[in-house]
Amino acid sequence: MIRIVFVDSDGRQRAAQIREGQSLMEGALANRIPGIDGDCGGACACATCHVYVEPDWLERLDPPSELETNMLKMAIDPQPNSRLACQIKARKDLDGLTVRTPLSQY
């Protein structure tokens, strides 16, 4: 299991244990992490699993696809460290990854 830390807009931290290969969105929903909606079920079609990746983790992630980059344009307040949790797969080298959820997904 891979430990991922989700920090909400109020600064509250919640750690989730996510299976290797599972998306952060799937793991967040399974662990009932507030702030991750995942309305499209992980199809990269809605941007309701938008997260801000802590800057020191960004280089460890695979780069976003063109589809993800385009979907992030629909997110509220996208930043350079914005990613969709449905597009990040849990893997061993991401153990301890910290992401922040935005104030709102809509």
N, C-alpha and C. Protein backbone atom coordinates (compact mmCIF):
# COMPACT_ATOMS: atom_id res chain seq x y z
N MET A 1 0.84 -1.18 0.00
CA MET A 1 0.00 0.00 0.00
C MET A 1 0.89 1.25 0.00
N ILE A 2 0.39 2.24 -0.68
CA ILE A 2 1.12 3.51 -0.82
C ILE A 2 0.38 4.56 0.00
N ARG A 3 1.12 5.27 0.83
CA ARG A 3 0.53 6.31 1.68
C ARG A 3 0.53 7.63 0.92
N ILE A 4 -0.67 8.20 0.75
CA ILE A 4 -0.83 9.50 0.10
C ILE A 4 -1.50 10.42 1.11
N VAL A 5 -1.00 11.63 1.25
CA VAL A 5 -1.55 12.60 2.18
C VAL A 5 -2.35 13.64 1.39
N PHE A 6 -3.61 13.80 1.77
CA PHE A 6 -4.49 14.80 1.17
C PHE A 6 -4.68 15.90 2.19
N VAL A 7 -4.45 17.14 1.79
CA VAL A 7 -4.62 18.29 2.67
C VAL A 7 -5.76 19.12 2.10
N ASP A 8 -6.79 19.36 2.92
CA ASP A 8 -7.93 20.14 2.40
C ASP A 8 -7.65 21.63 2.48
N SER A 9 -8.57 22.42 1.99
CA SER A 9 -8.37 23.87 1.91
C SER A 9 -8.27 24.53 3.27
N ASP A 10 -8.69 23.82 4.33
CA ASP A 10 -8.56 24.34 5.69
C ASP A 10 -7.26 23.88 6.37
N GLY A 11 -6.47 23.10 5.64
CA GLY A 11 -5.19 22.62 6.19
C GLY A 11 -5.27 21.29 6.90
N ARG A 12 -6.44 20.66 6.94
CA ARG A 12 -6.57 19.37 7.62
C ARG A 12 -5.97 18.27 6.74
N GLN A 13 -5.11 17.47 7.34
CA GLN A 13 -4.44 16.39 6.62
C GLN A 13 -5.15 15.06 6.88
N ARG A 14 -5.29 14.29 5.80
CA ARG A 14 -5.84 12.94 5.90
C ARG A 14 -4.95 12.03 5.07
N ALA A 15 -4.45 10.99 5.68
CA ALA A 15 -3.61 10.03 4.96
C ALA A 15 -4.49 8.88 4.47
N ALA A 16 -4.22 8.44 3.27
CA ALA A 16 -4.96 7.32 2.68
C ALA A 16 -3.96 6.26 2.24
N GLN A 17 -4.29 5.01 2.48
CA GLN A 17 -3.50 3.89 1.98
C GLN A 17 -4.13 3.46 0.66
N ILE A 18 -3.35 3.54 -0.41
CA ILE A 18 -3.86 3.29 -1.76
C ILE A 18 -3.04 2.15 -2.38
N ARG A 19 -3.74 1.24 -3.01
CA ARG A 19 -3.06 0.12 -3.66
C ARG A 19 -2.18 0.61 -4.80
N GLU A 20 -1.05 -0.03 -4.95
CA GLU A 20 -0.17 0.29 -6.06
C GLU A 20 -0.92 0.07 -7.38
N GLY A 21 -0.83 1.03 -8.28
CA GLY A 21 -1.51 0.96 -9.57
C GLY A 21 -2.88 1.61 -9.58
N GLN A 22 -3.43 1.86 -8.39
CA GLN A 22 -4.73 2.52 -8.29
C GLN A 22 -4.52 4.02 -8.45
N SER A 23 -5.49 4.71 -9.06
CA SER A 23 -5.35 6.16 -9.19
C SER A 23 -5.58 6.82 -7.84
N LEU A 24 -5.01 8.00 -7.67
CA LEU A 24 -5.23 8.75 -6.43
C LEU A 24 -6.71 9.07 -6.26
N MET A 25 -7.42 9.31 -7.35
CA MET A 25 -8.86 9.58 -7.27
C MET A 25 -9.60 8.36 -6.72
N GLU A 26 -9.31 7.18 -7.25
CA GLU A 26 -9.96 5.96 -6.78
C GLU A 26 -9.66 5.74 -5.30
N GLY A 27 -8.42 5.93 -4.93
CA GLY A 27 -8.03 5.76 -3.53
C GLY A 27 -8.68 6.78 -2.62
N ALA A 28 -8.79 8.01 -3.10
CA ALA A 28 -9.43 9.06 -2.30
C ALA A 28 -10.91 8.74 -2.08
N LEU A 29 -11.58 8.29 -3.13
CA LEU A 29 -13.00 7.94 -2.99
C LEU A 29 -13.17 6.76 -2.05
N ALA A 30 -12.32 5.75 -2.18
CA ALA A 30 -12.41 4.57 -1.32
C ALA A 30 -12.16 4.92 0.14
N ASN A 31 -11.34 5.94 0.37
CA ASN A 31 -11.01 6.37 1.73
C ASN A 31 -11.86 7.55 2.19
N ARG A 32 -12.85 7.92 1.40
CA ARG A 32 -13.78 9.01 1.72
C ARG A 32 -13.07 10.32 2.03
N ILE A 33 -12.12 10.66 1.17
CA ILE A 33 -11.39 11.92 1.31
C ILE A 33 -12.27 13.04 0.79
N PRO A 34 -12.61 14.02 1.62
CA PRO A 34 -13.41 15.15 1.14
C PRO A 34 -12.63 15.98 0.13
N GLY A 35 -13.36 16.56 -0.81
CA GLY A 35 -12.74 17.44 -1.79
C GLY A 35 -12.37 16.76 -3.09
N ILE A 36 -12.53 15.45 -3.16
CA ILE A 36 -12.31 14.71 -4.40
C ILE A 36 -13.66 14.14 -4.80
N ASP A 37 -14.20 14.62 -5.92
CA ASP A 37 -15.52 14.17 -6.36
C ASP A 37 -15.45 13.05 -7.39
N GLY A 38 -14.60 13.17 -8.37
CA GLY A 38 -14.45 12.13 -9.37
C GLY A 38 -15.74 11.82 -10.12
N ASP A 39 -16.45 12.86 -10.53
CA ASP A 39 -17.75 12.69 -11.17
C ASP A 39 -17.71 11.82 -12.42
N CYS A 40 -16.63 11.83 -13.19
CA CYS A 40 -16.57 11.06 -14.43
C CYS A 40 -16.04 9.65 -14.21
N GLY A 41 -15.74 9.31 -12.97
CA GLY A 41 -15.27 7.96 -12.68
C GLY A 41 -13.83 7.69 -13.09
N GLY A 42 -13.09 8.73 -13.38
CA GLY A 42 -11.68 8.56 -13.72
C GLY A 42 -11.41 8.57 -15.21
N ALA A 43 -12.36 9.03 -16.00
CA ALA A 43 -12.21 9.05 -17.46
C ALA A 43 -11.49 10.30 -17.96
N CYS A 44 -11.01 11.14 -17.07
CA CYS A 44 -10.34 12.40 -17.42
C CYS A 44 -11.28 13.27 -18.26
N ALA A 45 -12.52 13.39 -17.75
CA ALA A 45 -13.53 14.12 -18.51
C ALA A 45 -14.28 15.16 -17.69
N CYS A 46 -13.79 15.49 -16.48
CA CYS A 46 -14.58 16.45 -15.70
C CYS A 46 -13.75 17.39 -14.81
N ALA A 47 -12.56 17.04 -14.44
CA ALA A 47 -11.70 17.87 -13.58
C ALA A 47 -12.21 18.02 -12.15
N THR A 48 -13.07 17.09 -11.68
CA THR A 48 -13.56 17.18 -10.30
C THR A 48 -12.69 16.37 -9.33
N CYS A 49 -11.51 16.01 -9.78
CA CYS A 49 -10.52 15.39 -8.88
C CYS A 49 -9.24 16.21 -8.91
N HIS A 50 -9.40 17.49 -9.21
CA HIS A 50 -8.29 18.44 -9.28
C HIS A 50 -7.56 18.50 -7.94
N VAL A 51 -6.24 18.41 -7.98
CA VAL A 51 -5.41 18.57 -6.78
C VAL A 51 -4.21 19.43 -7.12
N TYR A 52 -3.62 19.98 -6.08
CA TYR A 52 -2.35 20.70 -6.20
C TYR A 52 -1.28 19.80 -5.60
N VAL A 53 -0.32 19.42 -6.41
CA VAL A 53 0.78 18.56 -5.95
C VAL A 53 1.83 19.42 -5.28
N GLU A 54 2.27 19.00 -4.12
CA GLU A 54 3.34 19.74 -3.44
C GLU A 54 4.54 19.83 -4.39
N PRO A 55 5.12 21.02 -4.54
CA PRO A 55 6.16 21.24 -5.54
C PRO A 55 7.33 20.26 -5.52
N ASP A 56 7.76 19.82 -4.33
CA ASP A 56 8.90 18.91 -4.28
C ASP A 56 8.58 17.51 -4.81
N TRP A 57 7.32 17.23 -5.09
CA TRP A 57 6.91 15.94 -5.64
C TRP A 57 6.69 15.98 -7.15
N LEU A 58 6.55 17.15 -7.72
CA LEU A 58 6.18 17.28 -9.13
C LEU A 58 7.09 16.52 -10.08
N GLU A 59 8.38 16.60 -9.88
CA GLU A 59 9.33 15.96 -10.79
C GLU A 59 9.25 14.45 -10.75
N ARG A 60 8.68 13.88 -9.70
CA ARG A 60 8.57 12.42 -9.59
C ARG A 60 7.38 11.87 -10.39
N LEU A 61 6.46 12.75 -10.75
CA LEU A 61 5.27 12.31 -11.48
C LEU A 61 5.54 12.25 -12.97
N ASP A 62 4.83 11.35 -13.65
CA ASP A 62 4.85 11.37 -15.10
C ASP A 62 4.22 12.68 -15.55
N PRO A 63 4.67 13.25 -16.66
CA PRO A 63 4.08 14.52 -17.11
C PRO A 63 2.62 14.32 -17.50
N PRO A 64 1.82 15.38 -17.38
CA PRO A 64 0.40 15.26 -17.76
C PRO A 64 0.26 15.06 -19.27
N SER A 65 -0.74 14.29 -19.64
CA SER A 65 -1.05 14.10 -21.06
C SER A 65 -1.70 15.38 -21.60
N GLU A 66 -1.82 15.45 -22.90
CA GLU A 66 -2.50 16.59 -23.52
C GLU A 66 -3.96 16.65 -23.05
N LEU A 67 -4.59 15.49 -22.94
CA LEU A 67 -5.98 15.45 -22.48
C LEU A 67 -6.10 16.00 -21.05
N GLU A 68 -5.20 15.59 -20.17
CA GLU A 68 -5.24 16.10 -18.79
C GLU A 68 -4.99 17.60 -18.78
N THR A 69 -4.03 18.06 -19.53
CA THR A 69 -3.73 19.50 -19.59
C THR A 69 -4.95 20.28 -20.04
N ASN A 70 -5.65 19.77 -21.04
CA ASN A 70 -6.87 20.45 -21.51
C ASN A 70 -7.97 20.42 -20.46
N MET A 71 -8.13 19.31 -19.76
CA MET A 71 -9.16 19.22 -18.72
C MET A 71 -8.85 20.16 -17.55
N LEU A 72 -7.59 20.34 -17.24
CA LEU A 72 -7.22 21.24 -16.15
C LEU A 72 -7.62 22.68 -16.43
N LYS A 73 -7.78 23.02 -17.70
CA LYS A 73 -8.25 24.37 -18.05
C LYS A 73 -9.67 24.60 -17.57
N MET A 74 -10.41 23.51 -17.31
CA MET A 74 -11.79 23.60 -16.82
C MET A 74 -11.85 23.64 -15.30
N ALA A 75 -10.75 23.35 -14.64
CA ALA A 75 -10.71 23.35 -13.18
C ALA A 75 -10.77 24.77 -12.64
N ILE A 76 -11.25 24.90 -11.43
CA ILE A 76 -11.25 26.19 -10.76
C ILE A 76 -9.84 26.49 -10.26
N ASP A 77 -9.34 27.66 -10.59
CA ASP A 77 -8.04 28.15 -10.14
C ASP A 77 -6.89 27.17 -10.39
N PRO A 78 -6.68 26.76 -11.65
CA PRO A 78 -5.53 25.89 -11.93
C PRO A 78 -4.22 26.64 -11.69
N GLN A 79 -3.24 25.92 -11.21
CA GLN A 79 -1.92 26.45 -10.91
C GLN A 79 -0.88 25.59 -11.64
N PRO A 80 0.38 26.01 -11.69
CA PRO A 80 1.41 25.19 -12.35
C PRO A 80 1.55 23.79 -11.75
N ASN A 81 1.17 23.62 -10.49
CA ASN A 81 1.28 22.31 -9.84
C ASN A 81 -0.06 21.56 -9.81
N SER A 82 -1.02 21.99 -10.63
CA SER A 82 -2.32 21.32 -10.70
C SER A 82 -2.20 20.02 -11.48
N ARG A 83 -2.89 19.01 -10.98
CA ARG A 83 -3.00 17.72 -11.66
C ARG A 83 -4.38 17.16 -11.38
N LEU A 84 -4.78 16.17 -12.18
CA LEU A 84 -6.01 15.43 -11.92
C LEU A 84 -5.63 14.15 -11.21
N ALA A 85 -6.26 13.91 -10.07
CA ALA A 85 -5.92 12.73 -9.27
C ALA A 85 -6.23 11.43 -10.00
N CYS A 86 -7.15 11.47 -10.97
CA CYS A 86 -7.46 10.26 -11.74
C CYS A 86 -6.32 9.87 -12.67
N GLN A 87 -5.40 10.77 -12.91
CA GLN A 87 -4.31 10.52 -13.84
C GLN A 87 -2.99 10.20 -13.14
N ILE A 88 -3.00 10.16 -11.83
CA ILE A 88 -1.79 9.83 -11.07
C ILE A 88 -2.00 8.45 -10.46
N LYS A 89 -1.15 7.50 -10.83
CA LYS A 89 -1.24 6.15 -10.31
C LYS A 89 -0.29 6.01 -9.12
N ALA A 90 -0.80 5.39 -8.06
CA ALA A 90 0.03 5.16 -6.87
C ALA A 90 1.13 4.15 -7.22
N ARG A 91 2.32 4.48 -6.82
CA ARG A 91 3.45 3.57 -7.00
C ARG A 91 4.42 3.79 -5.83
N LYS A 92 5.30 2.84 -5.64
CA LYS A 92 6.17 2.85 -4.45
C LYS A 92 6.96 4.13 -4.28
N ASP A 93 7.48 4.69 -5.38
CA ASP A 93 8.29 5.90 -5.24
C ASP A 93 7.46 7.13 -4.91
N LEU A 94 6.14 7.00 -4.87
CA LEU A 94 5.26 8.11 -4.49
C LEU A 94 4.75 7.97 -3.06
N ASP A 95 5.25 6.99 -2.33
CA ASP A 95 4.84 6.81 -0.94
C ASP A 95 5.15 8.08 -0.15
N GLY A 96 4.13 8.67 0.46
CA GLY A 96 4.29 9.91 1.20
C GLY A 96 3.91 11.15 0.40
N LEU A 97 3.54 10.97 -0.86
CA LEU A 97 3.13 12.09 -1.71
C LEU A 97 2.05 12.92 -1.00
N THR A 98 2.20 14.23 -1.07
CA THR A 98 1.22 15.14 -0.48
C THR A 98 0.59 15.97 -1.59
N VAL A 99 -0.75 15.99 -1.58
CA VAL A 99 -1.50 16.81 -2.52
C VAL A 99 -2.52 17.63 -1.72
N ARG A 100 -2.87 18.77 -2.27
CA ARG A 100 -3.86 19.64 -1.63
C ARG A 100 -5.10 19.69 -2.50
N THR A 101 -6.26 19.67 -1.85
CA THR A 101 -7.50 19.80 -2.60
C THR A 101 -7.91 21.27 -2.61
N PRO A 102 -8.53 21.70 -3.73
CA PRO A 102 -8.95 23.09 -3.81
C PRO A 102 -10.17 23.37 -2.92
N LEU A 103 -10.48 24.62 -2.75
CA LEU A 103 -11.65 25.02 -1.96
C LEU A 103 -12.92 24.41 -2.53
N SER A 104 -13.00 24.33 -3.87
CA SER A 104 -14.17 23.77 -4.53
C SER A 104 -13.76 23.11 -5.83
N GLN A 105 -14.48 22.09 -6.23
CA GLN A 105 -14.25 21.45 -7.52
C GLN A 105 -15.17 22.03 -8.60
N TYR A 106 -16.11 22.90 -8.21
CA TYR A 106 -17.06 23.45 -9.17
C TYR A 106 -16.92 24.95 -9.27
